[in-house]
Each structure stands twice: as structure tokens, then as C-alpha cells.
N, C-alpha and C. Protein backbone atom coordinates (compact mmCIF):
# COMPACT_ATOMS: atom_id res chain seq x y z
N MET A 1 -92.35 -76.81 -132.57
CA MET A 1 -91.72 -76.07 -133.65
C MET A 1 -92.69 -75.93 -134.82
N VAL A 2 -92.86 -76.97 -135.64
CA VAL A 2 -93.81 -76.92 -136.74
C VAL A 2 -95.01 -77.76 -136.33
N ARG A 3 -96.19 -77.15 -136.39
CA ARG A 3 -97.40 -77.83 -135.98
C ARG A 3 -97.61 -79.09 -136.81
N ALA A 4 -98.19 -80.11 -136.22
CA ALA A 4 -98.45 -81.35 -136.95
C ALA A 4 -99.89 -81.76 -136.74
N GLY A 5 -100.60 -81.96 -137.82
CA GLY A 5 -101.93 -82.54 -137.76
C GLY A 5 -103.04 -81.61 -137.33
N ALA A 6 -102.82 -80.29 -137.29
CA ALA A 6 -103.87 -79.37 -136.86
C ALA A 6 -105.01 -79.38 -137.87
N ALA A 7 -106.21 -79.40 -137.36
CA ALA A 7 -107.42 -79.35 -138.19
C ALA A 7 -107.37 -80.42 -139.29
N GLN A 8 -107.03 -81.64 -138.90
CA GLN A 8 -106.82 -82.70 -139.89
C GLN A 8 -108.08 -82.98 -140.71
N LEU A 9 -109.24 -83.00 -140.10
CA LEU A 9 -110.45 -83.30 -140.86
C LEU A 9 -110.66 -82.26 -141.94
N GLY A 10 -110.56 -80.99 -141.59
CA GLY A 10 -110.71 -79.93 -142.59
C GLY A 10 -109.65 -80.04 -143.66
N SER A 11 -108.44 -80.37 -143.26
CA SER A 11 -107.35 -80.53 -144.22
C SER A 11 -107.64 -81.68 -145.18
N GLU A 12 -108.14 -82.79 -144.65
CA GLU A 12 -108.45 -83.93 -145.51
C GLU A 12 -109.58 -83.59 -146.48
N MET A 13 -110.56 -82.81 -146.01
CA MET A 13 -111.65 -82.41 -146.90
C MET A 13 -111.13 -81.51 -148.01
N ARG A 14 -110.25 -80.57 -147.66
CA ARG A 14 -109.67 -79.70 -148.69
C ARG A 14 -108.82 -80.51 -149.65
N ALA A 15 -108.09 -81.50 -149.14
CA ALA A 15 -107.26 -82.34 -150.01
C ALA A 15 -108.14 -83.11 -150.99
N ALA A 16 -109.26 -83.63 -150.51
CA ALA A 16 -110.17 -84.35 -151.41
C ALA A 16 -110.71 -83.41 -152.49
N ALA A 17 -111.05 -82.20 -152.11
CA ALA A 17 -111.54 -81.23 -153.09
C ALA A 17 -110.45 -80.89 -154.11
N ARG A 18 -109.22 -80.75 -153.65
CA ARG A 18 -108.11 -80.47 -154.58
C ARG A 18 -107.90 -81.62 -155.53
N ARG A 19 -107.96 -82.86 -155.01
CA ARG A 19 -107.79 -84.03 -155.89
C ARG A 19 -108.86 -84.03 -156.97
N GLU A 20 -110.08 -83.74 -156.58
CA GLU A 20 -111.18 -83.70 -157.56
C GLU A 20 -110.95 -82.60 -158.58
N LEU A 21 -110.55 -81.43 -158.13
CA LEU A 21 -110.30 -80.32 -159.04
C LEU A 21 -109.19 -80.65 -160.03
N VAL A 22 -108.10 -81.23 -159.54
CA VAL A 22 -107.01 -81.62 -160.43
C VAL A 22 -107.52 -82.64 -161.44
N GLY A 23 -108.30 -83.61 -160.98
CA GLY A 23 -108.84 -84.62 -161.88
C GLY A 23 -109.72 -84.02 -162.97
N VAL A 24 -110.58 -83.08 -162.59
CA VAL A 24 -111.45 -82.41 -163.56
C VAL A 24 -110.61 -81.65 -164.57
N GLN A 25 -109.63 -80.93 -164.11
CA GLN A 25 -108.78 -80.14 -165.01
C GLN A 25 -107.99 -81.03 -165.95
N VAL A 26 -107.44 -82.12 -165.43
CA VAL A 26 -106.66 -83.02 -166.29
C VAL A 26 -107.56 -83.66 -167.34
N ARG A 27 -108.74 -84.13 -166.92
CA ARG A 27 -109.67 -84.74 -167.90
C ARG A 27 -110.06 -83.74 -168.98
N ARG A 28 -110.37 -82.52 -168.57
CA ARG A 28 -110.78 -81.49 -169.54
C ARG A 28 -109.66 -81.16 -170.52
N GLU A 29 -108.48 -80.89 -169.99
CA GLU A 29 -107.38 -80.46 -170.86
C GLU A 29 -106.84 -81.61 -171.70
N ALA A 30 -106.78 -82.81 -171.14
CA ALA A 30 -106.31 -83.95 -171.93
C ALA A 30 -107.29 -84.21 -173.08
N GLY A 31 -108.58 -84.14 -172.78
CA GLY A 31 -109.58 -84.34 -173.83
C GLY A 31 -109.48 -83.29 -174.93
N ALA A 32 -109.16 -82.07 -174.55
CA ALA A 32 -109.06 -80.98 -175.53
C ALA A 32 -107.94 -81.20 -176.54
N VAL A 33 -106.92 -81.97 -176.16
CA VAL A 33 -105.82 -82.22 -177.08
C VAL A 33 -105.75 -83.69 -177.51
N GLY A 34 -106.81 -84.42 -177.23
CA GLY A 34 -106.89 -85.80 -177.69
C GLY A 34 -106.01 -86.79 -176.95
N ARG A 35 -105.73 -86.50 -175.68
CA ARG A 35 -104.91 -87.42 -174.87
C ARG A 35 -105.77 -88.15 -173.86
N ASP A 36 -105.34 -89.34 -173.50
CA ASP A 36 -106.00 -90.12 -172.46
C ASP A 36 -105.60 -89.52 -171.11
N PRO A 37 -106.56 -89.03 -170.33
CA PRO A 37 -106.22 -88.42 -169.03
C PRO A 37 -105.51 -89.38 -168.08
N ASN A 38 -105.72 -90.68 -168.25
CA ASN A 38 -105.05 -91.66 -167.38
C ASN A 38 -103.57 -91.78 -167.70
N GLU A 39 -103.16 -91.27 -168.85
CA GLU A 39 -101.75 -91.32 -169.24
C GLU A 39 -100.99 -90.05 -168.86
N VAL A 40 -101.71 -89.04 -168.38
CA VAL A 40 -101.07 -87.77 -168.02
C VAL A 40 -100.40 -87.91 -166.66
N LYS A 41 -99.16 -87.52 -166.59
CA LYS A 41 -98.40 -87.55 -165.33
C LYS A 41 -98.16 -86.12 -164.88
N ILE A 42 -98.47 -85.87 -163.64
CA ILE A 42 -98.23 -84.55 -163.05
C ILE A 42 -97.11 -84.70 -162.04
N LEU A 43 -96.04 -83.95 -162.27
CA LEU A 43 -94.90 -83.98 -161.36
C LEU A 43 -94.75 -82.60 -160.74
N THR A 44 -94.29 -82.58 -159.51
CA THR A 44 -94.08 -81.31 -158.83
C THR A 44 -92.84 -81.40 -157.96
N LEU A 45 -92.14 -80.29 -157.87
CA LEU A 45 -91.03 -80.20 -156.93
C LEU A 45 -91.61 -80.00 -155.54
N LEU A 46 -91.08 -80.72 -154.58
CA LEU A 46 -91.57 -80.64 -153.21
C LEU A 46 -90.37 -80.54 -152.27
N MET A 47 -90.18 -79.34 -151.73
CA MET A 47 -89.08 -79.14 -150.78
C MET A 47 -89.38 -79.87 -149.48
N THR A 48 -88.32 -80.30 -148.82
CA THR A 48 -88.50 -80.92 -147.52
C THR A 48 -87.42 -80.43 -146.56
N CYS A 49 -87.78 -80.47 -145.31
CA CYS A 49 -86.87 -80.08 -144.23
C CYS A 49 -86.30 -81.37 -143.64
N PRO A 50 -85.00 -81.55 -143.71
CA PRO A 50 -84.41 -82.81 -143.25
C PRO A 50 -84.58 -83.10 -141.76
N ASP A 51 -84.76 -82.05 -140.94
CA ASP A 51 -84.91 -82.26 -139.50
C ASP A 51 -85.83 -81.19 -138.92
N PRO A 52 -87.15 -81.44 -138.97
CA PRO A 52 -88.09 -80.42 -138.49
C PRO A 52 -88.01 -80.13 -137.00
N SER A 53 -87.23 -80.93 -136.25
CA SER A 53 -87.07 -80.64 -134.82
C SER A 53 -85.88 -79.72 -134.57
N ASP A 54 -85.12 -79.41 -135.61
CA ASP A 54 -83.95 -78.55 -135.48
C ASP A 54 -84.26 -77.16 -136.02
N GLU A 55 -84.11 -76.16 -135.17
CA GLU A 55 -84.44 -74.79 -135.57
C GLU A 55 -83.66 -74.33 -136.80
N ALA A 56 -82.38 -74.70 -136.89
CA ALA A 56 -81.57 -74.29 -138.04
C ALA A 56 -82.11 -74.90 -139.33
N ALA A 57 -82.59 -76.13 -139.25
CA ALA A 57 -83.15 -76.79 -140.44
C ALA A 57 -84.45 -76.11 -140.87
N VAL A 58 -85.29 -75.77 -139.90
CA VAL A 58 -86.56 -75.09 -140.22
C VAL A 58 -86.26 -73.69 -140.75
N ASP A 59 -85.27 -73.02 -140.18
CA ASP A 59 -84.88 -71.69 -140.68
C ASP A 59 -84.40 -71.77 -142.13
N ALA A 60 -83.67 -72.84 -142.48
CA ALA A 60 -83.24 -73.02 -143.86
C ALA A 60 -84.46 -73.17 -144.77
N MET A 61 -85.47 -73.90 -144.30
CA MET A 61 -86.70 -74.04 -145.09
C MET A 61 -87.40 -72.70 -145.23
N ARG A 62 -87.44 -71.92 -144.17
CA ARG A 62 -88.06 -70.59 -144.25
C ARG A 62 -87.34 -69.73 -145.30
N ARG A 63 -86.01 -69.79 -145.32
CA ARG A 63 -85.24 -69.04 -146.33
C ARG A 63 -85.59 -69.52 -147.73
N GLY A 64 -85.69 -70.82 -147.89
CA GLY A 64 -86.04 -71.38 -149.20
C GLY A 64 -87.40 -70.92 -149.67
N LEU A 65 -88.37 -70.93 -148.77
CA LEU A 65 -89.71 -70.48 -149.13
C LEU A 65 -89.76 -68.98 -149.37
N ALA A 66 -89.01 -68.22 -148.59
CA ALA A 66 -88.95 -66.77 -148.80
C ALA A 66 -88.40 -66.46 -150.19
N PHE A 67 -87.43 -67.25 -150.63
CA PHE A 67 -86.86 -67.08 -151.96
C PHE A 67 -87.95 -67.25 -153.03
N TYR A 68 -88.82 -68.24 -152.87
CA TYR A 68 -89.93 -68.42 -153.82
C TYR A 68 -90.92 -67.27 -153.73
N CYS A 69 -91.18 -66.80 -152.53
CA CYS A 69 -92.09 -65.66 -152.35
C CYS A 69 -91.54 -64.40 -153.02
N ALA A 70 -90.22 -64.35 -153.18
CA ALA A 70 -89.58 -63.18 -153.78
C ALA A 70 -89.85 -63.09 -155.28
N SER A 71 -90.42 -64.13 -155.85
CA SER A 71 -90.75 -64.13 -157.28
C SER A 71 -92.27 -64.07 -157.45
N LYS A 72 -92.74 -63.05 -158.11
CA LYS A 72 -94.19 -62.91 -158.32
C LYS A 72 -94.76 -64.08 -159.12
N HIS A 73 -93.89 -64.78 -159.82
CA HIS A 73 -94.31 -65.94 -160.60
C HIS A 73 -95.05 -66.97 -159.74
N TYR A 74 -94.73 -67.03 -158.45
CA TYR A 74 -95.33 -68.01 -157.54
C TYR A 74 -96.45 -67.45 -156.68
N HIS A 75 -96.75 -66.20 -156.79
CA HIS A 75 -97.74 -65.58 -155.90
C HIS A 75 -99.13 -66.17 -156.06
N HIS A 76 -99.49 -66.62 -157.25
CA HIS A 76 -100.82 -67.21 -157.41
C HIS A 76 -100.99 -68.46 -156.55
N ILE A 77 -99.90 -69.17 -156.30
CA ILE A 77 -99.97 -70.35 -155.44
C ILE A 77 -100.29 -69.93 -154.00
N GLY A 78 -99.66 -68.85 -153.55
CA GLY A 78 -99.98 -68.32 -152.23
C GLY A 78 -101.43 -67.89 -152.16
N GLU A 79 -101.92 -67.24 -153.20
CA GLU A 79 -103.32 -66.78 -153.23
C GLU A 79 -104.29 -67.94 -153.11
N ILE A 80 -104.15 -68.95 -153.98
CA ILE A 80 -105.13 -70.04 -153.96
C ILE A 80 -105.00 -70.92 -152.72
N SER A 81 -103.88 -70.78 -152.01
CA SER A 81 -103.67 -71.56 -150.79
C SER A 81 -104.05 -70.80 -149.53
N GLY A 82 -104.53 -69.57 -149.70
CA GLY A 82 -104.95 -68.79 -148.54
C GLY A 82 -103.84 -68.00 -147.86
N PHE A 83 -102.70 -67.87 -148.53
CA PHE A 83 -101.57 -67.17 -147.95
C PHE A 83 -101.16 -65.96 -148.78
N GLY A 84 -102.06 -65.44 -149.57
CA GLY A 84 -101.72 -64.34 -150.47
C GLY A 84 -101.12 -63.13 -149.77
N GLU A 85 -101.74 -62.70 -148.68
CA GLU A 85 -101.24 -61.51 -147.97
C GLU A 85 -99.86 -61.77 -147.36
N GLN A 86 -99.67 -62.96 -146.78
CA GLN A 86 -98.38 -63.27 -146.17
C GLN A 86 -97.28 -63.35 -147.24
N VAL A 87 -97.59 -63.97 -148.38
CA VAL A 87 -96.61 -64.08 -149.46
C VAL A 87 -96.24 -62.68 -149.94
N GLN A 88 -97.23 -61.81 -150.08
CA GLN A 88 -96.97 -60.44 -150.53
C GLN A 88 -96.07 -59.70 -149.54
N ARG A 89 -96.30 -59.90 -148.26
CA ARG A 89 -95.48 -59.24 -147.24
C ARG A 89 -94.03 -59.75 -147.28
N VAL A 90 -93.86 -61.07 -147.43
CA VAL A 90 -92.51 -61.62 -147.56
C VAL A 90 -91.83 -61.01 -148.78
N TYR A 91 -92.55 -60.92 -149.88
CA TYR A 91 -92.03 -60.33 -151.12
C TYR A 91 -91.55 -58.90 -150.87
N GLU A 92 -92.40 -58.11 -150.22
CA GLU A 92 -92.06 -56.70 -149.98
C GLU A 92 -90.79 -56.55 -149.15
N VAL A 93 -90.67 -57.35 -148.10
CA VAL A 93 -89.48 -57.26 -147.26
C VAL A 93 -88.25 -57.76 -148.02
N TRP A 94 -88.40 -58.82 -148.80
CA TRP A 94 -87.29 -59.35 -149.59
C TRP A 94 -86.76 -58.27 -150.54
N GLN A 95 -87.67 -57.52 -151.14
CA GLN A 95 -87.27 -56.50 -152.11
C GLN A 95 -86.42 -55.39 -151.48
N THR A 96 -86.49 -55.23 -150.16
CA THR A 96 -85.66 -54.22 -149.49
C THR A 96 -84.24 -54.73 -149.25
N GLY A 97 -84.02 -56.02 -149.51
CA GLY A 97 -82.72 -56.62 -149.25
C GLY A 97 -82.60 -57.25 -147.88
N ASP A 98 -83.67 -57.21 -147.10
CA ASP A 98 -83.66 -57.81 -145.77
C ASP A 98 -84.10 -59.27 -145.89
N PHE A 99 -83.19 -60.12 -146.37
CA PHE A 99 -83.52 -61.51 -146.62
C PHE A 99 -83.83 -62.27 -145.33
N ALA A 100 -83.10 -61.96 -144.28
CA ALA A 100 -83.36 -62.62 -142.99
C ALA A 100 -84.74 -62.21 -142.46
N GLY A 101 -85.07 -60.93 -142.59
CA GLY A 101 -86.39 -60.46 -142.15
C GLY A 101 -87.51 -61.10 -142.95
N ALA A 102 -87.31 -61.22 -144.25
CA ALA A 102 -88.31 -61.87 -145.10
C ALA A 102 -88.49 -63.33 -144.68
N SER A 103 -87.39 -63.99 -144.38
CA SER A 103 -87.44 -65.40 -143.97
C SER A 103 -88.21 -65.57 -142.67
N ARG A 104 -88.02 -64.62 -141.75
CA ARG A 104 -88.73 -64.70 -140.46
C ARG A 104 -90.25 -64.55 -140.63
N LEU A 105 -90.69 -63.97 -141.72
CA LEU A 105 -92.12 -63.80 -141.98
C LEU A 105 -92.79 -65.08 -142.49
N VAL A 106 -91.99 -66.06 -142.88
CA VAL A 106 -92.55 -67.34 -143.34
C VAL A 106 -93.00 -68.10 -142.09
N THR A 107 -94.28 -68.31 -141.97
CA THR A 107 -94.86 -68.92 -140.77
C THR A 107 -94.77 -70.44 -140.80
N ASP A 108 -94.99 -71.05 -139.63
CA ASP A 108 -95.06 -72.51 -139.56
C ASP A 108 -96.13 -73.04 -140.52
N ALA A 109 -97.27 -72.36 -140.57
CA ALA A 109 -98.35 -72.80 -141.45
C ALA A 109 -97.91 -72.78 -142.92
N MET A 110 -97.12 -71.79 -143.31
CA MET A 110 -96.62 -71.73 -144.68
C MET A 110 -95.62 -72.86 -144.93
N VAL A 111 -94.77 -73.13 -143.96
CA VAL A 111 -93.80 -74.23 -144.09
C VAL A 111 -94.55 -75.54 -144.30
N GLU A 112 -95.58 -75.77 -143.50
CA GLU A 112 -96.36 -77.00 -143.62
C GLU A 112 -97.08 -77.10 -144.96
N LYS A 113 -97.62 -75.99 -145.41
CA LYS A 113 -98.41 -75.99 -146.64
C LYS A 113 -97.56 -76.20 -147.88
N PHE A 114 -96.42 -75.54 -147.94
CA PHE A 114 -95.64 -75.50 -149.17
C PHE A 114 -94.43 -76.42 -149.19
N SER A 115 -94.31 -77.29 -148.19
CA SER A 115 -93.17 -78.21 -148.17
C SER A 115 -93.59 -79.52 -147.51
N LEU A 116 -92.71 -80.47 -147.57
CA LEU A 116 -92.91 -81.75 -146.91
C LEU A 116 -92.17 -81.67 -145.58
N THR A 117 -92.84 -81.08 -144.61
CA THR A 117 -92.22 -80.83 -143.31
C THR A 117 -93.24 -81.13 -142.23
N GLY A 118 -92.81 -81.80 -141.19
CA GLY A 118 -93.68 -82.11 -140.07
C GLY A 118 -93.34 -83.49 -139.53
N SER A 119 -94.28 -84.05 -138.80
CA SER A 119 -94.07 -85.38 -138.24
C SER A 119 -94.05 -86.40 -139.38
N PRO A 120 -93.47 -87.57 -139.14
CA PRO A 120 -93.50 -88.59 -140.19
C PRO A 120 -94.92 -88.91 -140.66
N GLU A 121 -95.87 -88.94 -139.75
CA GLU A 121 -97.25 -89.24 -140.13
C GLU A 121 -97.84 -88.12 -140.99
N THR A 122 -97.57 -86.89 -140.64
CA THR A 122 -98.04 -85.75 -141.44
C THR A 122 -97.46 -85.82 -142.85
N CYS A 123 -96.18 -86.10 -142.95
CA CYS A 123 -95.52 -86.20 -144.26
C CYS A 123 -96.07 -87.38 -145.05
N ARG A 124 -96.29 -88.49 -144.38
CA ARG A 124 -96.84 -89.67 -145.04
C ARG A 124 -98.22 -89.36 -145.62
N ARG A 125 -99.06 -88.69 -144.83
CA ARG A 125 -100.41 -88.34 -145.32
C ARG A 125 -100.34 -87.40 -146.52
N LYS A 126 -99.42 -86.44 -146.47
CA LYS A 126 -99.30 -85.50 -147.58
C LYS A 126 -98.88 -86.23 -148.85
N LEU A 127 -97.90 -87.11 -148.73
CA LEU A 127 -97.48 -87.88 -149.90
C LEU A 127 -98.59 -88.79 -150.39
N ASP A 128 -99.32 -89.40 -149.48
CA ASP A 128 -100.43 -90.28 -149.88
C ASP A 128 -101.47 -89.54 -150.70
N TRP A 129 -101.89 -88.35 -150.23
CA TRP A 129 -102.94 -87.66 -151.00
C TRP A 129 -102.41 -87.18 -152.33
N MET A 130 -101.14 -86.82 -152.40
CA MET A 130 -100.56 -86.42 -153.69
C MET A 130 -100.55 -87.59 -154.65
N LEU A 131 -100.06 -88.74 -154.19
CA LEU A 131 -99.98 -89.91 -155.06
C LEU A 131 -101.37 -90.39 -155.46
N GLU A 132 -102.32 -90.35 -154.53
CA GLU A 132 -103.70 -90.73 -154.86
C GLU A 132 -104.29 -89.83 -155.93
N ALA A 133 -103.87 -88.58 -155.95
CA ALA A 133 -104.37 -87.63 -156.94
C ALA A 133 -103.60 -87.74 -158.25
N GLY A 134 -102.61 -88.62 -158.31
CA GLY A 134 -101.82 -88.76 -159.52
C GLY A 134 -100.75 -87.70 -159.67
N VAL A 135 -100.38 -87.08 -158.55
CA VAL A 135 -99.32 -86.07 -158.56
C VAL A 135 -98.07 -86.72 -157.96
N TYR A 136 -97.00 -86.68 -158.71
CA TYR A 136 -95.77 -87.35 -158.31
C TYR A 136 -94.75 -86.32 -157.85
N PRO A 137 -94.48 -86.31 -156.54
CA PRO A 137 -93.54 -85.31 -156.02
C PRO A 137 -92.08 -85.69 -156.27
N ILE A 138 -91.31 -84.69 -156.62
CA ILE A 138 -89.86 -84.82 -156.69
C ILE A 138 -89.35 -84.15 -155.41
N VAL A 139 -89.05 -84.98 -154.42
CA VAL A 139 -88.70 -84.49 -153.09
C VAL A 139 -87.23 -84.08 -153.07
N TYR A 140 -87.00 -82.86 -152.61
CA TYR A 140 -85.61 -82.41 -152.48
C TYR A 140 -85.46 -81.58 -151.20
N PRO A 141 -84.28 -81.71 -150.57
CA PRO A 141 -84.07 -81.01 -149.31
C PRO A 141 -83.69 -79.55 -149.52
N VAL A 142 -84.02 -78.76 -148.52
CA VAL A 142 -83.44 -77.42 -148.38
C VAL A 142 -82.46 -77.59 -147.21
N PRO A 143 -81.20 -77.82 -147.53
CA PRO A 143 -80.24 -78.20 -146.49
C PRO A 143 -79.72 -77.02 -145.67
N ARG A 144 -79.25 -77.37 -144.50
CA ARG A 144 -78.52 -76.41 -143.68
C ARG A 144 -77.15 -76.22 -144.30
N ARG A 145 -76.64 -75.01 -144.23
CA ARG A 145 -75.35 -74.70 -144.88
C ARG A 145 -74.21 -75.58 -144.38
N ASP A 146 -74.24 -75.91 -143.10
CA ASP A 146 -73.13 -76.67 -142.54
C ASP A 146 -73.37 -78.18 -142.57
N GLN A 147 -74.48 -78.62 -143.18
CA GLN A 147 -74.78 -80.06 -143.22
C GLN A 147 -75.31 -80.48 -144.60
N MET A 148 -74.76 -79.92 -145.64
CA MET A 148 -75.25 -80.17 -147.00
C MET A 148 -75.35 -81.66 -147.33
N VAL A 149 -74.26 -82.37 -147.19
CA VAL A 149 -74.24 -83.79 -147.57
C VAL A 149 -75.16 -84.59 -146.66
N GLU A 150 -75.04 -84.38 -145.35
CA GLU A 150 -75.85 -85.12 -144.40
C GLU A 150 -77.34 -84.90 -144.65
N ASP A 151 -77.73 -83.67 -144.93
CA ASP A 151 -79.15 -83.37 -145.14
C ASP A 151 -79.68 -84.03 -146.41
N HIS A 152 -78.87 -84.15 -147.43
CA HIS A 152 -79.31 -84.85 -148.64
C HIS A 152 -79.53 -86.34 -148.35
N PHE A 153 -78.61 -86.97 -147.63
CA PHE A 153 -78.78 -88.39 -147.31
C PHE A 153 -79.96 -88.59 -146.35
N THR A 154 -80.11 -87.70 -145.40
CA THR A 154 -81.24 -87.79 -144.47
C THR A 154 -82.57 -87.70 -145.23
N THR A 155 -82.63 -86.83 -146.22
CA THR A 155 -83.85 -86.68 -147.01
C THR A 155 -84.18 -87.97 -147.76
N ILE A 156 -83.19 -88.62 -148.31
CA ILE A 156 -83.42 -89.89 -149.00
C ILE A 156 -84.02 -90.91 -148.04
N LYS A 157 -83.44 -91.00 -146.84
CA LYS A 157 -83.93 -91.96 -145.86
C LYS A 157 -85.35 -91.61 -145.40
N LEU A 158 -85.60 -90.31 -145.15
CA LEU A 158 -86.93 -89.90 -144.71
C LEU A 158 -87.97 -90.17 -145.78
N ALA A 159 -87.69 -89.82 -147.01
CA ALA A 159 -88.65 -90.04 -148.09
C ALA A 159 -88.98 -91.52 -148.21
N ALA A 160 -87.96 -92.37 -148.10
CA ALA A 160 -88.20 -93.81 -148.17
C ALA A 160 -89.08 -94.28 -147.01
N SER A 161 -88.89 -93.71 -145.83
CA SER A 161 -89.68 -94.14 -144.68
C SER A 161 -91.13 -93.67 -144.79
N TYR A 162 -91.38 -92.57 -145.50
CA TYR A 162 -92.73 -92.05 -145.61
C TYR A 162 -93.60 -92.93 -146.50
N VAL A 163 -93.01 -93.59 -147.46
CA VAL A 163 -93.80 -94.40 -148.38
C VAL A 163 -93.68 -95.89 -148.11
N ALA A 164 -92.86 -96.26 -147.14
CA ALA A 164 -92.66 -97.68 -146.84
C ALA A 164 -93.83 -98.26 -146.08
């Protein structure tokens, strides 16, 4: 369903480069306003799929990501992540009112890149590199419509297992 661990070495190298870039930016900007860069906290919302082995759960994640693609405010993230053309295509289809069609355009690679979805080890590695970079994720589920409560509790358990 969702690929796990593809091109891990290249991914780890890109993650290291991102960590360095974030560090450079934080040091520069904190210094510009007289703040200690070690005191700066970076938080980010991080969607997660409660059950990546369930097609309905992954489809819910695709819908959630398509919703973000529908806002040009987020397109720069797609660009710098190498998904600019795909994000633009999702946006175009969304604008026609074909929300299901737009959701189908969200690829497995986009799901992996923009959410905490995959094998437990893949998710653990993603959280590790974020925390090592000083980025603190606020993990939240994109639940299936018929399993709202269950998916929220499952997400709590999964997140705890990723950092345990």
C-alpha cells in the first residue's frame, strides 16, 4: 500500500541537509532579534494515518492532503519537497469540485512525505530526525469517517510506540 523505507540512504542524507538548513536559519533569525537559538522551539502539525494497511484509512489521508493542496498557501511546501507539479495538479482538480478525483491524485510518495504514515520503523525514523533537528511534531490523525473515536485512540497508542 504505502511504500516503506525506499531509498533510505538518500532520504537520510536529505534529512541531514534539512536539519542543517533549519539550524542555520534558526541561528540566523534568532541572532537577528537577540534570542538564543537554543531556546527557539519549532513546532509543526503532523498528520498521521491510524492504519496504513487499511485502504480506507489511507484514502482518508489522501483526502486530508488534497485539502491542503487546495490552498495555494501550502504550495511552496510542495515545491521545496519536489512535488510542486503534483500539488498543482491536485489543486486544479480540486477547484473543479471533483474532491474524490483530487484525492486520488495524492500519491503514496506524497502521503509518506507530508504525513507520519508507513511502517512503525519508518515513522520512528521520521520522528527521530524531526526531534534531532529540534522540531517538535504535534501528531494528529486524519480519521476514517466511520471510526473517528477509534482512530484518535489508535493514533495516541501509535505515537507512543514510535518514541518508546
